[in-house]
């Protein structure tokens, strides 16, 4: 639709434009005034047992621990699988989540060809307060460690051959993060203008068709008037 025609439509349907602008300004204010969240991310690293031939199992890994990490993630999530992303650096708050917990395997591949080879579990928590986030992250770490021990107990693994864990970073902490308020407000405002223009155009077409249907048909010339 040419710009001049769109302007004429907006003038004709000014009441639709006013409604759209009011909603747009309200949405823009909400997007700009969003507070930040507290965020914590830790990795529960699985460490293979030390054996005679491989005294340093971190530098030289004779065991494949990614399958066990996958089992822990599967046990935790059940049927609620986390979102598969194309980067292992994707954050939970970056996905728009303001309160929640995510336990996942880092994707070393791509979104269409995933690859899970890292022997650790990525834990992310977001929430409204620092204490809440820290406590939840600690609870998740402790529960994953208990799940690992239960699996090894069930398999009858000898104490000297058991998988242990390390936490990276060693201490669970939470930091306050905020997005770009001006960017969010700008995008919301532009989307609101586009939706307002579409609403005005749609209303103009609908009301135009209704008016044409209600208009009486012209009487052919030569017919007697009734």
N, C-alpha and C. Protein backbone atom coordinates (compact mmCIF):
# COMPACT_ATOMS: atom_id res chain seq x y z
N UNK A 1 0.85 -1.18 0.00
CA UNK A 1 0.00 0.00 0.00
C UNK A 1 0.89 1.24 0.00
N UNK A 2 0.68 2.17 -0.96
CA UNK A 2 1.49 3.39 -0.98
C UNK A 2 1.32 4.19 0.31
N UNK A 3 2.34 4.98 0.63
CA UNK A 3 2.32 5.73 1.88
C UNK A 3 1.17 6.73 1.91
N UNK A 4 0.92 7.41 0.77
CA UNK A 4 -0.15 8.41 0.74
C UNK A 4 -1.51 7.77 0.98
N UNK A 5 -1.72 6.60 0.38
CA UNK A 5 -2.99 5.89 0.60
C UNK A 5 -3.12 5.47 2.06
N UNK A 6 -2.03 5.01 2.65
CA UNK A 6 -2.05 4.61 4.06
C UNK A 6 -2.38 5.79 4.96
N UNK A 7 -1.84 6.97 4.65
CA UNK A 7 -2.14 8.15 5.44
C UNK A 7 -3.61 8.52 5.35
N UNK A 8 -4.18 8.40 4.15
CA UNK A 8 -5.61 8.69 4.00
C UNK A 8 -6.46 7.71 4.79
N UNK A 9 -6.06 6.45 4.77
CA UNK A 9 -6.78 5.44 5.54
C UNK A 9 -6.71 5.76 7.03
N UNK A 10 -5.54 6.16 7.51
CA UNK A 10 -5.39 6.49 8.93
C UNK A 10 -6.23 7.70 9.32
N UNK A 11 -6.37 8.66 8.40
CA UNK A 11 -7.21 9.83 8.69
C UNK A 11 -8.67 9.42 8.76
N UNK A 12 -9.10 8.55 7.81
CA UNK A 12 -10.50 8.11 7.82
C UNK A 12 -10.82 7.30 9.07
N UNK A 13 -9.88 6.44 9.48
CA UNK A 13 -10.11 5.58 10.64
C UNK A 13 -9.28 6.07 11.82
N UNK A 14 -9.43 7.35 12.12
CA UNK A 14 -8.61 7.97 13.15
C UNK A 14 -8.85 7.34 14.52
N UNK A 15 -10.07 6.87 14.78
CA UNK A 15 -10.38 6.27 16.08
C UNK A 15 -9.62 4.96 16.28
N UNK A 16 -9.42 4.20 15.18
CA UNK A 16 -8.61 2.98 15.28
C UNK A 16 -7.15 3.33 15.55
N UNK A 17 -6.68 4.40 14.89
CA UNK A 17 -5.30 4.83 15.09
C UNK A 17 -5.08 5.29 16.53
N UNK A 18 -6.05 6.03 17.09
CA UNK A 18 -5.91 6.48 18.47
C UNK A 18 -5.86 5.30 19.44
N UNK A 19 -6.71 4.30 19.20
CA UNK A 19 -6.68 3.12 20.05
C UNK A 19 -5.35 2.39 19.94
N UNK A 20 -4.86 2.24 18.72
CA UNK A 20 -3.58 1.56 18.51
C UNK A 20 -2.42 2.31 19.15
N UNK A 21 -2.43 3.65 19.03
CA UNK A 21 -1.36 4.44 19.63
C UNK A 21 -1.39 4.36 21.15
N UNK A 22 -2.59 4.34 21.73
CA UNK A 22 -2.70 4.22 23.19
C UNK A 22 -2.13 2.89 23.66
N UNK A 23 -2.49 1.82 22.97
CA UNK A 23 -1.95 0.50 23.33
C UNK A 23 -0.45 0.43 23.11
N UNK A 24 0.02 1.08 22.04
CA UNK A 24 1.45 1.08 21.75
C UNK A 24 2.24 1.80 22.83
N UNK A 25 1.75 2.96 23.24
CA UNK A 25 2.44 3.71 24.29
C UNK A 25 2.44 2.95 25.61
N UNK A 26 1.33 2.29 25.91
CA UNK A 26 1.28 1.48 27.13
C UNK A 26 2.27 0.33 27.09
N UNK A 27 2.32 -0.37 25.95
CA UNK A 27 3.27 -1.47 25.82
C UNK A 27 4.71 -1.00 25.84
N UNK A 28 4.96 0.17 25.25
CA UNK A 28 6.32 0.72 25.25
C UNK A 28 6.78 1.05 26.67
N UNK A 29 5.87 1.61 27.46
CA UNK A 29 6.22 1.94 28.85
C UNK A 29 6.51 0.67 29.65
N UNK A 30 5.69 -0.35 29.46
CA UNK A 30 5.90 -1.61 30.18
C UNK A 30 7.24 -2.23 29.79
N UNK A 31 7.57 -2.19 28.49
CA UNK A 31 8.84 -2.76 28.04
C UNK A 31 10.04 -1.98 28.59
N UNK A 32 9.90 -0.66 28.70
CA UNK A 32 11.00 0.17 29.18
C UNK A 32 11.18 0.05 30.70
N UNK A 33 10.08 -0.20 31.40
CA UNK A 33 10.11 -0.18 32.87
C UNK A 33 10.33 -1.56 33.48
N UNK A 34 10.71 -2.54 32.68
CA UNK A 34 10.92 -3.89 33.21
C UNK A 34 12.15 -3.92 34.13
N UNK A 35 12.01 -4.44 35.35
CA UNK A 35 13.18 -4.55 36.23
C UNK A 35 14.07 -5.71 35.81
N UNK A 36 15.28 -5.72 36.31
CA UNK A 36 16.19 -6.82 36.01
C UNK A 36 15.87 -8.05 36.84
N UNK A 37 16.65 -9.10 36.62
CA UNK A 37 16.47 -10.35 37.37
C UNK A 37 17.82 -10.78 37.92
N UNK A 38 17.77 -11.68 38.88
CA UNK A 38 19.00 -12.29 39.41
C UNK A 38 19.22 -13.62 38.70
N UNK A 39 20.48 -13.87 38.39
CA UNK A 39 20.81 -15.01 37.53
C UNK A 39 22.03 -15.74 38.08
N UNK A 40 21.94 -17.06 38.05
CA UNK A 40 23.06 -17.90 38.48
C UNK A 40 23.26 -19.02 37.47
N UNK A 41 24.51 -19.29 37.14
CA UNK A 41 24.84 -20.39 36.24
C UNK A 41 26.06 -21.13 36.78
N UNK A 42 25.93 -22.42 36.95
CA UNK A 42 27.04 -23.26 37.40
C UNK A 42 27.06 -24.53 36.56
N UNK A 43 28.23 -25.15 36.49
CA UNK A 43 28.38 -26.42 35.79
C UNK A 43 28.78 -27.50 36.79
N UNK A 44 28.02 -28.58 36.77
CA UNK A 44 28.36 -29.74 37.59
C UNK A 44 29.19 -30.68 36.72
N UNK A 45 30.50 -30.69 36.96
CA UNK A 45 31.44 -31.44 36.13
C UNK A 45 31.58 -32.85 36.69
N UNK A 46 31.43 -33.84 35.82
CA UNK A 46 31.63 -35.23 36.22
C UNK A 46 33.10 -35.59 36.09
N UNK A 47 33.66 -36.19 37.13
CA UNK A 47 35.08 -36.55 37.16
C UNK A 47 35.19 -38.07 37.25
N UNK A 48 35.95 -38.64 36.32
CA UNK A 48 36.12 -40.10 36.29
C UNK A 48 37.00 -40.55 37.46
N UNK A 49 36.87 -41.79 37.88
CA UNK A 49 37.73 -42.30 38.97
C UNK A 49 39.18 -42.39 38.54
N UNK A 50 40.08 -42.21 39.49
CA UNK A 50 41.51 -42.31 39.23
C UNK A 50 41.93 -43.78 39.25
N UNK A 51 42.60 -44.20 38.18
CA UNK A 51 43.11 -45.57 38.10
C UNK A 51 44.62 -45.53 37.92
N UNK A 52 45.25 -46.68 38.05
CA UNK A 52 46.72 -46.75 38.02
C UNK A 52 47.28 -46.23 36.71
N UNK A 53 46.67 -46.60 35.60
CA UNK A 53 47.22 -46.22 34.31
C UNK A 53 46.88 -44.78 33.93
N UNK A 54 45.86 -44.19 34.57
CA UNK A 54 45.46 -42.82 34.27
C UNK A 54 45.31 -42.06 35.58
N UNK A 55 46.44 -41.63 36.17
CA UNK A 55 46.37 -40.92 37.45
C UNK A 55 45.69 -39.56 37.35
N UNK A 56 45.73 -38.93 36.17
CA UNK A 56 45.10 -37.63 35.98
C UNK A 56 43.96 -37.79 34.98
N UNK A 57 42.75 -38.00 35.48
CA UNK A 57 41.63 -38.28 34.59
C UNK A 57 41.04 -37.02 33.97
N UNK A 58 41.50 -35.84 34.40
CA UNK A 58 41.03 -34.61 33.76
C UNK A 58 41.86 -34.31 32.52
N UNK A 59 43.18 -34.48 32.62
CA UNK A 59 44.05 -34.25 31.46
C UNK A 59 43.92 -35.36 30.43
N UNK A 60 43.76 -36.60 30.88
CA UNK A 60 43.62 -37.75 29.98
C UNK A 60 42.42 -38.56 30.43
N UNK A 61 41.36 -38.53 29.62
CA UNK A 61 40.10 -39.14 30.04
C UNK A 61 39.90 -40.49 29.35
N UNK A 62 40.10 -41.59 30.07
CA UNK A 62 39.84 -42.90 29.48
C UNK A 62 38.37 -43.28 29.52
N UNK A 63 37.56 -42.48 30.23
CA UNK A 63 36.14 -42.79 30.37
C UNK A 63 35.31 -41.75 29.62
N UNK A 64 34.21 -42.18 29.07
CA UNK A 64 33.26 -41.28 28.42
C UNK A 64 32.16 -40.97 29.42
N UNK A 65 32.12 -39.72 29.88
CA UNK A 65 31.19 -39.35 30.93
C UNK A 65 29.96 -38.61 30.41
N UNK A 66 29.97 -38.23 29.13
CA UNK A 66 28.81 -37.52 28.58
C UNK A 66 27.52 -38.33 28.68
N UNK A 67 27.54 -39.65 28.46
CA UNK A 67 26.29 -40.42 28.62
C UNK A 67 25.71 -40.33 30.03
N UNK A 68 26.57 -40.36 31.05
CA UNK A 68 26.06 -40.24 32.41
C UNK A 68 25.48 -38.84 32.65
N UNK A 69 26.15 -37.82 32.12
CA UNK A 69 25.60 -36.47 32.23
C UNK A 69 24.24 -36.38 31.55
N UNK A 70 24.12 -37.05 30.41
CA UNK A 70 22.84 -37.08 29.70
C UNK A 70 21.75 -37.77 30.52
N UNK A 71 22.11 -38.84 31.21
CA UNK A 71 21.14 -39.53 32.06
C UNK A 71 20.67 -38.64 33.21
N UNK A 72 21.59 -37.89 33.81
CA UNK A 72 21.21 -37.00 34.90
C UNK A 72 20.24 -35.93 34.41
N UNK A 73 20.54 -35.36 33.24
CA UNK A 73 19.65 -34.33 32.68
C UNK A 73 18.29 -34.93 32.36
N UNK A 74 18.29 -36.13 31.81
CA UNK A 74 17.03 -36.80 31.49
C UNK A 74 16.23 -37.12 32.76
N UNK A 75 16.92 -37.58 33.80
CA UNK A 75 16.24 -37.87 35.07
C UNK A 75 15.62 -36.61 35.66
N UNK A 76 16.33 -35.51 35.55
CA UNK A 76 15.84 -34.27 36.14
C UNK A 76 14.64 -33.71 35.36
N UNK A 77 14.75 -33.65 34.04
CA UNK A 77 13.73 -32.99 33.23
C UNK A 77 12.52 -33.88 32.94
N UNK A 78 12.72 -35.19 32.92
CA UNK A 78 11.61 -36.06 32.58
C UNK A 78 11.14 -35.81 31.16
N UNK A 79 9.85 -35.56 31.00
CA UNK A 79 9.29 -35.29 29.67
C UNK A 79 9.39 -33.82 29.28
N UNK A 80 9.81 -32.96 30.20
CA UNK A 80 9.91 -31.52 29.92
C UNK A 80 11.35 -31.20 29.49
N UNK A 81 11.63 -31.43 28.23
CA UNK A 81 12.98 -31.21 27.73
C UNK A 81 13.26 -29.72 27.56
N UNK A 82 14.48 -29.27 27.86
CA UNK A 82 14.81 -27.86 27.67
C UNK A 82 14.87 -27.51 26.19
N UNK A 83 14.75 -26.23 25.91
CA UNK A 83 14.79 -25.74 24.53
C UNK A 83 16.16 -26.00 23.92
N UNK A 84 16.17 -26.59 22.72
CA UNK A 84 17.43 -26.85 22.02
C UNK A 84 17.87 -25.58 21.32
N UNK A 85 19.03 -25.07 21.70
CA UNK A 85 19.55 -23.83 21.12
C UNK A 85 20.79 -24.13 20.28
N UNK A 86 21.12 -23.17 19.41
CA UNK A 86 22.26 -23.36 18.52
C UNK A 86 23.59 -23.05 19.18
N UNK A 87 23.56 -22.48 20.37
CA UNK A 87 24.80 -22.11 21.07
C UNK A 87 24.71 -22.54 22.52
N UNK A 88 25.83 -23.02 23.04
CA UNK A 88 25.87 -23.40 24.45
C UNK A 88 25.95 -22.18 25.37
N UNK A 89 26.15 -20.99 24.79
CA UNK A 89 26.23 -19.76 25.58
C UNK A 89 24.87 -19.12 25.81
N UNK A 90 23.81 -19.70 25.28
CA UNK A 90 22.48 -19.13 25.45
C UNK A 90 22.08 -19.15 26.92
N UNK A 91 21.57 -18.04 27.41
CA UNK A 91 21.19 -17.93 28.81
C UNK A 91 19.67 -18.03 28.97
N UNK A 92 19.27 -18.42 30.17
CA UNK A 92 17.84 -18.57 30.44
C UNK A 92 17.14 -17.21 30.41
N UNK A 93 17.76 -16.18 30.98
CA UNK A 93 17.13 -14.86 30.95
C UNK A 93 17.15 -14.27 29.55
N UNK A 94 18.13 -14.69 28.73
CA UNK A 94 18.16 -14.24 27.34
C UNK A 94 17.02 -14.81 26.52
N UNK A 95 16.44 -15.92 26.98
CA UNK A 95 15.27 -16.51 26.31
C UNK A 95 13.97 -15.86 26.77
N UNK A 96 14.07 -14.86 27.65
CA UNK A 96 12.87 -14.17 28.12
C UNK A 96 12.28 -14.73 29.39
N UNK A 97 12.93 -15.70 30.01
CA UNK A 97 12.43 -16.29 31.26
C UNK A 97 12.85 -15.41 32.44
N UNK A 98 11.90 -15.04 33.26
CA UNK A 98 12.18 -14.17 34.40
C UNK A 98 12.17 -14.92 35.73
N UNK A 99 11.68 -16.14 35.72
CA UNK A 99 11.68 -16.95 36.94
C UNK A 99 11.63 -18.41 36.52
N UNK A 100 12.68 -19.15 36.86
CA UNK A 100 12.68 -20.56 36.48
C UNK A 100 14.05 -21.19 36.63
N UNK A 101 14.10 -22.48 36.35
CA UNK A 101 15.32 -23.27 36.46
C UNK A 101 15.48 -24.10 35.19
N UNK A 102 16.71 -24.22 34.74
CA UNK A 102 17.00 -25.03 33.56
C UNK A 102 18.21 -25.92 33.83
N UNK A 103 18.06 -27.20 33.54
CA UNK A 103 19.15 -28.17 33.64
C UNK A 103 19.31 -28.79 32.26
N UNK A 104 20.49 -28.65 31.67
CA UNK A 104 20.66 -29.09 30.29
C UNK A 104 22.09 -29.53 30.04
N UNK A 105 22.26 -30.20 28.90
CA UNK A 105 23.59 -30.51 28.39
C UNK A 105 24.01 -29.42 27.42
N UNK A 106 25.25 -28.96 27.46
CA UNK A 106 25.68 -27.95 26.50
C UNK A 106 25.75 -28.54 25.09
N UNK A 107 25.18 -27.83 24.14
CA UNK A 107 25.18 -28.28 22.75
C UNK A 107 26.47 -27.85 22.08
N UNK A 108 27.32 -28.82 21.72
CA UNK A 108 28.58 -28.53 21.05
C UNK A 108 28.42 -28.48 19.53
N UNK A 109 27.24 -28.81 19.04
CA UNK A 109 26.99 -28.80 17.60
C UNK A 109 26.18 -27.57 17.20
N UNK A 110 25.12 -27.80 16.44
CA UNK A 110 24.25 -26.72 15.99
C UNK A 110 22.82 -27.07 16.34
N UNK A 111 21.90 -26.16 16.00
CA UNK A 111 20.50 -26.40 16.32
C UNK A 111 19.94 -27.56 15.49
N UNK A 112 20.45 -27.72 14.28
CA UNK A 112 19.94 -28.77 13.39
C UNK A 112 20.78 -30.04 13.44
N UNK A 113 22.00 -29.93 13.94
CA UNK A 113 22.86 -31.11 14.11
C UNK A 113 23.50 -31.03 15.49
N UNK A 114 22.72 -31.34 16.53
CA UNK A 114 23.24 -31.20 17.90
C UNK A 114 24.31 -32.25 18.21
N UNK A 115 25.20 -31.88 19.11
CA UNK A 115 26.28 -32.77 19.53
C UNK A 115 26.53 -32.55 21.02
N UNK A 116 26.42 -33.61 21.80
CA UNK A 116 26.57 -33.51 23.25
C UNK A 116 27.74 -34.40 23.69
N UNK A 117 28.89 -33.78 23.86
CA UNK A 117 30.09 -34.53 24.24
C UNK A 117 30.71 -34.03 25.54
N UNK A 118 30.23 -32.93 26.08
CA UNK A 118 30.84 -32.36 27.29
C UNK A 118 30.40 -33.15 28.51
N UNK A 119 31.35 -33.48 29.41
CA UNK A 119 31.01 -34.28 30.60
C UNK A 119 30.54 -33.42 31.77
N UNK A 120 29.64 -32.50 31.53
CA UNK A 120 29.13 -31.69 32.64
C UNK A 120 27.68 -31.29 32.35
N UNK A 121 27.01 -30.92 33.41
CA UNK A 121 25.62 -30.49 33.35
C UNK A 121 25.56 -29.00 33.62
N UNK A 122 24.89 -28.27 32.74
CA UNK A 122 24.75 -26.82 32.88
C UNK A 122 23.47 -26.51 33.65
N UNK A 123 23.61 -25.72 34.71
CA UNK A 123 22.48 -25.38 35.58
C UNK A 123 22.31 -23.87 35.57
N UNK A 124 21.12 -23.41 35.23
CA UNK A 124 20.82 -21.98 35.20
C UNK A 124 19.55 -21.71 36.00
N UNK A 125 19.59 -20.64 36.78
CA UNK A 125 18.44 -20.25 37.60
C UNK A 125 18.25 -18.75 37.48
N UNK A 126 17.01 -18.31 37.29
CA UNK A 126 16.68 -16.89 37.31
C UNK A 126 15.54 -16.68 38.29
N UNK A 127 15.53 -15.51 38.93
CA UNK A 127 14.49 -15.21 39.90
C UNK A 127 14.53 -13.75 40.30
N UNK A 128 13.64 -13.40 41.23
CA UNK A 128 13.48 -12.00 41.61
C UNK A 128 14.45 -11.55 42.69
N UNK A 129 15.02 -12.48 43.47
CA UNK A 129 15.91 -12.08 44.55
C UNK A 129 17.18 -12.92 44.52
N UNK A 130 18.26 -12.35 45.05
CA UNK A 130 19.55 -13.03 45.06
C UNK A 130 19.52 -14.27 45.94
N UNK A 131 18.92 -14.16 47.11
CA UNK A 131 18.87 -15.31 48.02
C UNK A 131 18.06 -16.46 47.43
N UNK A 132 16.96 -16.12 46.78
CA UNK A 132 16.11 -17.15 46.18
C UNK A 132 16.85 -17.91 45.09
N UNK A 133 17.56 -17.18 44.24
CA UNK A 133 18.28 -17.81 43.13
C UNK A 133 19.42 -18.67 43.65
N UNK A 134 20.18 -18.14 44.61
CA UNK A 134 21.30 -18.90 45.16
C UNK A 134 20.83 -20.19 45.84
N UNK A 135 19.75 -20.08 46.61
CA UNK A 135 19.23 -21.27 47.30
C UNK A 135 18.73 -22.31 46.30
N UNK A 136 18.06 -21.86 45.25
CA UNK A 136 17.54 -22.81 44.26
C UNK A 136 18.67 -23.49 43.50
N UNK A 137 19.71 -22.73 43.11
CA UNK A 137 20.84 -23.33 42.41
C UNK A 137 21.55 -24.36 43.28
N UNK A 138 21.72 -24.04 44.56
CA UNK A 138 22.35 -24.99 45.49
C UNK A 138 21.50 -26.25 45.64
N UNK A 139 20.20 -26.08 45.72
CA UNK A 139 19.30 -27.24 45.84
C UNK A 139 19.39 -28.15 44.61
N UNK A 140 19.45 -27.54 43.43
CA UNK A 140 19.53 -28.33 42.19
C UNK A 140 20.84 -29.11 42.14
N UNK A 141 21.94 -28.46 42.51
CA UNK A 141 23.25 -29.13 42.52
C UNK A 141 23.23 -30.32 43.48
N UNK A 142 22.72 -30.10 44.68
CA UNK A 142 22.67 -31.19 45.67
C UNK A 142 21.80 -32.35 45.18
N UNK A 143 20.68 -32.03 44.56
CA UNK A 143 19.78 -33.08 44.08
C UNK A 143 20.42 -33.87 42.94
N UNK A 144 21.13 -33.19 42.03
CA UNK A 144 21.81 -33.90 40.95
C UNK A 144 22.90 -34.82 41.49
N UNK A 145 23.59 -34.38 42.51
CA UNK A 145 24.61 -35.24 43.13
C UNK A 145 23.98 -36.47 43.77
N UNK A 146 22.83 -36.29 44.40
CA UNK A 146 22.14 -37.44 44.99
C UNK A 146 21.64 -38.39 43.90
N UNK A 147 21.18 -37.85 42.79
CA UNK A 147 20.73 -38.69 41.68
C UNK A 147 21.88 -39.51 41.12
N UNK A 148 23.08 -38.88 41.03
CA UNK A 148 24.25 -39.60 40.54
C UNK A 148 24.61 -40.75 41.48
N UNK A 149 24.58 -40.48 42.78
CA UNK A 149 24.90 -41.54 43.74
C UNK A 149 23.88 -42.68 43.70
N UNK A 150 22.61 -42.33 43.54
CA UNK A 150 21.58 -43.37 43.47
C UNK A 150 21.78 -44.26 42.24
N UNK A 151 22.14 -43.67 41.13
CA UNK A 151 22.38 -44.48 39.93
C UNK A 151 23.57 -45.42 40.12
N UNK A 152 24.61 -44.92 40.76
CA UNK A 152 25.78 -45.77 40.98
C UNK A 152 25.51 -46.83 42.05
N UNK A 153 24.70 -46.48 43.03
CA UNK A 153 24.29 -47.49 44.02
C UNK A 153 23.48 -48.59 43.35
N UNK A 154 22.57 -48.21 42.47
CA UNK A 154 21.73 -49.19 41.79
C UNK A 154 22.56 -50.10 40.89
N UNK A 155 23.62 -49.52 40.26
CA UNK A 155 24.47 -50.32 39.38
C UNK A 155 25.50 -51.13 40.14
N UNK A 156 25.64 -50.90 41.45
CA UNK A 156 26.60 -51.63 42.25
C UNK A 156 28.05 -51.27 41.96
N UNK A 157 28.31 -49.99 41.67
CA UNK A 157 29.66 -49.54 41.36
C UNK A 157 30.49 -49.53 42.65
N UNK A 158 31.68 -50.08 42.58
CA UNK A 158 32.57 -50.10 43.75
C UNK A 158 32.98 -48.68 44.13
N UNK A 159 33.21 -48.41 45.42
CA UNK A 159 33.57 -47.06 45.85
C UNK A 159 34.76 -46.47 45.11
N UNK A 160 35.77 -47.26 44.82
CA UNK A 160 36.96 -46.73 44.16
C UNK A 160 36.78 -46.46 42.69
N UNK A 161 35.68 -46.90 42.11
CA UNK A 161 35.43 -46.71 40.68
C UNK A 161 34.25 -45.78 40.42
N UNK A 162 33.87 -45.02 41.41
CA UNK A 162 32.70 -44.17 41.26
C UNK A 162 33.04 -42.83 40.62
N UNK A 163 32.06 -42.29 39.89
CA UNK A 163 32.18 -40.95 39.33
C UNK A 163 31.94 -39.93 40.45
N UNK A 164 32.78 -38.93 40.50
CA UNK A 164 32.60 -37.84 41.46
C UNK A 164 32.29 -36.56 40.69
N UNK A 165 32.10 -35.48 41.42
CA UNK A 165 31.72 -34.22 40.77
C UNK A 165 32.54 -33.05 41.29
N UNK A 166 32.68 -32.07 40.43
CA UNK A 166 33.25 -30.77 40.77
C UNK A 166 32.27 -29.70 40.34
N UNK A 167 32.29 -28.59 41.04
CA UNK A 167 31.40 -27.48 40.70
C UNK A 167 32.22 -26.34 40.11
N UNK A 168 31.78 -25.82 38.99
CA UNK A 168 32.47 -24.71 38.34
C UNK A 168 31.45 -23.60 38.02
N UNK A 169 31.66 -22.44 38.68
CA UNK A 169 32.65 -22.10 39.71
C UNK A 169 32.38 -22.84 41.02
N UNK A 170 33.38 -22.81 41.89
CA UNK A 170 33.30 -23.61 43.12
C UNK A 170 32.19 -23.15 44.05
N UNK A 171 31.87 -21.86 44.04
CA UNK A 171 30.83 -21.32 44.91
C UNK A 171 29.65 -20.83 44.08
N UNK A 172 28.46 -21.15 44.54
CA UNK A 172 27.25 -20.70 43.85
C UNK A 172 26.99 -19.24 44.20
N UNK A 173 26.80 -18.42 43.20
CA UNK A 173 26.51 -17.00 43.42
C UNK A 173 25.49 -16.55 42.38
N UNK A 174 24.89 -15.40 42.64
CA UNK A 174 23.89 -14.84 41.73
C UNK A 174 24.23 -13.38 41.46
N UNK A 175 24.01 -12.96 40.24
CA UNK A 175 24.28 -11.58 39.85
C UNK A 175 23.02 -10.97 39.24
N UNK A 176 22.93 -9.66 39.34
CA UNK A 176 21.78 -8.93 38.81
C UNK A 176 22.04 -8.56 37.35
N UNK A 177 21.12 -8.91 36.47
CA UNK A 177 21.29 -8.64 35.05
C UNK A 177 20.06 -7.89 34.54
N UNK A 178 20.30 -6.99 33.61
CA UNK A 178 19.22 -6.24 32.97
C UNK A 178 19.47 -6.22 31.47
N UNK A 179 18.41 -6.18 30.72
CA UNK A 179 18.54 -6.05 29.28
C UNK A 179 18.61 -4.59 28.89
N UNK A 180 18.54 -4.32 27.60
CA UNK A 180 18.56 -2.95 27.09
C UNK A 180 17.13 -2.42 27.08
N UNK A 181 16.80 -1.57 28.05
CA UNK A 181 15.44 -1.04 28.14
C UNK A 181 15.08 -0.19 26.93
N UNK A 182 16.03 0.62 26.48
CA UNK A 182 15.75 1.48 25.33
C UNK A 182 15.52 0.66 24.06
N UNK A 183 16.30 -0.41 23.89
CA UNK A 183 16.11 -1.25 22.71
C UNK A 183 14.77 -1.96 22.75
N UNK A 184 14.41 -2.49 23.92
CA UNK A 184 13.11 -3.16 24.04
C UNK A 184 11.96 -2.20 23.79
N UNK A 185 12.08 -0.98 24.32
CA UNK A 185 11.03 0.01 24.11
C UNK A 185 10.94 0.41 22.65
N UNK A 186 12.09 0.58 21.99
CA UNK A 186 12.08 0.95 20.58
C UNK A 186 11.44 -0.10 19.70
N UNK A 187 11.79 -1.36 19.94
CA UNK A 187 11.20 -2.45 19.15
C UNK A 187 9.71 -2.55 19.40
N UNK A 188 9.29 -2.41 20.66
CA UNK A 188 7.87 -2.47 20.98
C UNK A 188 7.11 -1.34 20.31
N UNK A 189 7.69 -0.15 20.29
CA UNK A 189 7.04 1.01 19.67
C UNK A 189 6.88 0.80 18.16
N UNK A 190 7.92 0.33 17.50
CA UNK A 190 7.84 0.09 16.06
C UNK A 190 6.82 -0.99 15.73
N UNK A 191 6.82 -2.06 16.50
CA UNK A 191 5.82 -3.11 16.27
C UNK A 191 4.41 -2.58 16.49
N UNK A 192 4.25 -1.72 17.49
CA UNK A 192 2.94 -1.14 17.74
C UNK A 192 2.47 -0.28 16.58
N UNK A 193 3.37 0.50 15.98
CA UNK A 193 3.00 1.31 14.82
C UNK A 193 2.58 0.44 13.64
N UNK A 194 3.32 -0.64 13.41
CA UNK A 194 2.97 -1.54 12.30
C UNK A 194 1.60 -2.17 12.53
N UNK A 195 1.37 -2.65 13.74
CA UNK A 195 0.08 -3.28 14.05
C UNK A 195 -1.05 -2.26 13.95
N UNK A 196 -0.81 -1.03 14.39
CA UNK A 196 -1.82 0.02 14.28
C UNK A 196 -2.18 0.29 12.83
N UNK A 197 -1.17 0.37 11.97
CA UNK A 197 -1.43 0.59 10.54
C UNK A 197 -2.23 -0.57 9.94
N UNK A 198 -1.89 -1.78 10.32
CA UNK A 198 -2.63 -2.95 9.82
C UNK A 198 -4.07 -2.94 10.33
N UNK A 199 -4.27 -2.54 11.58
CA UNK A 199 -5.63 -2.46 12.12
C UNK A 199 -6.45 -1.43 11.38
N UNK A 200 -5.87 -0.26 11.11
CA UNK A 200 -6.59 0.79 10.39
C UNK A 200 -6.93 0.35 8.98
N UNK A 201 -5.98 -0.29 8.31
CA UNK A 201 -6.22 -0.77 6.95
C UNK A 201 -7.31 -1.84 6.92
N UNK A 202 -7.24 -2.78 7.88
CA UNK A 202 -8.26 -3.83 7.93
C UNK A 202 -9.64 -3.27 8.23
N UNK A 203 -9.72 -2.32 9.17
CA UNK A 203 -11.01 -1.71 9.49
C UNK A 203 -11.56 -0.94 8.31
N UNK A 204 -10.69 -0.27 7.56
CA UNK A 204 -11.15 0.49 6.39
C UNK A 204 -11.72 -0.44 5.32
N UNK A 205 -11.08 -1.54 5.07
CA UNK A 205 -11.58 -2.48 4.07
C UNK A 205 -12.89 -3.11 4.52
N UNK A 206 -12.97 -3.50 5.79
CA UNK A 206 -14.18 -4.14 6.30
C UNK A 206 -15.36 -3.19 6.25
N UNK A 207 -15.17 -1.96 6.73
CA UNK A 207 -16.26 -1.00 6.73
C UNK A 207 -16.62 -0.57 5.32
N UNK A 208 -15.62 -0.54 4.42
CA UNK A 208 -15.92 -0.21 3.03
C UNK A 208 -16.79 -1.25 2.36
N UNK A 209 -16.51 -2.52 2.60
CA UNK A 209 -17.34 -3.59 2.03
C UNK A 209 -18.74 -3.57 2.61
N UNK A 210 -18.85 -3.29 3.92
CA UNK A 210 -20.17 -3.23 4.56
C UNK A 210 -21.00 -2.09 3.98
N UNK A 211 -20.36 -0.96 3.73
CA UNK A 211 -21.08 0.17 3.15
C UNK A 211 -21.57 -0.11 1.74
N UNK A 212 -20.75 -0.81 0.96
CA UNK A 212 -21.17 -1.13 -0.41
C UNK A 212 -22.34 -2.10 -0.42
N UNK A 213 -22.37 -3.05 0.51
CA UNK A 213 -23.47 -4.00 0.55
C UNK A 213 -24.78 -3.33 0.95
N UNK A 214 -24.71 -2.30 1.79
CA UNK A 214 -25.93 -1.63 2.25
C UNK A 214 -26.45 -0.63 1.24
N UNK A 215 -25.63 -0.20 0.29
CA UNK A 215 -26.06 0.80 -0.68
C UNK A 215 -27.08 0.18 -1.63
N UNK A 216 -28.28 0.80 -1.85
CA UNK A 216 -29.30 0.22 -2.74
C UNK A 216 -28.81 0.18 -4.18
N UNK A 217 -29.26 -0.85 -4.91
CA UNK A 217 -28.88 -0.99 -6.31
C UNK A 217 -29.53 0.11 -7.13
N UNK A 218 -28.83 0.65 -8.14
CA UNK A 218 -29.39 1.71 -8.98
C UNK A 218 -30.55 1.19 -9.82
N UNK A 219 -31.56 2.04 -10.05
CA UNK A 219 -32.73 1.68 -10.86
C UNK A 219 -32.41 1.95 -12.32
N UNK A 220 -32.56 0.94 -13.22
CA UNK A 220 -32.28 1.17 -14.64
C UNK A 220 -33.17 2.26 -15.21
N UNK A 221 -32.64 3.02 -16.16
CA UNK A 221 -33.39 4.11 -16.79
C UNK A 221 -34.55 3.54 -17.60
N UNK A 222 -35.66 4.21 -17.56
CA UNK A 222 -36.84 3.77 -18.31
C UNK A 222 -37.81 2.96 -17.49
N UNK A 223 -37.36 2.50 -16.31
CA UNK A 223 -38.27 1.73 -15.46
C UNK A 223 -39.15 2.71 -14.68
N UNK A 224 -40.38 2.32 -14.47
CA UNK A 224 -41.24 3.21 -13.68
C UNK A 224 -40.79 3.24 -12.23
N UNK A 225 -40.82 4.41 -11.68
CA UNK A 225 -40.43 4.57 -10.28
C UNK A 225 -41.51 4.00 -9.38
N UNK A 226 -41.13 3.37 -8.30
CA UNK A 226 -42.11 2.80 -7.37
C UNK A 226 -42.19 3.65 -6.12
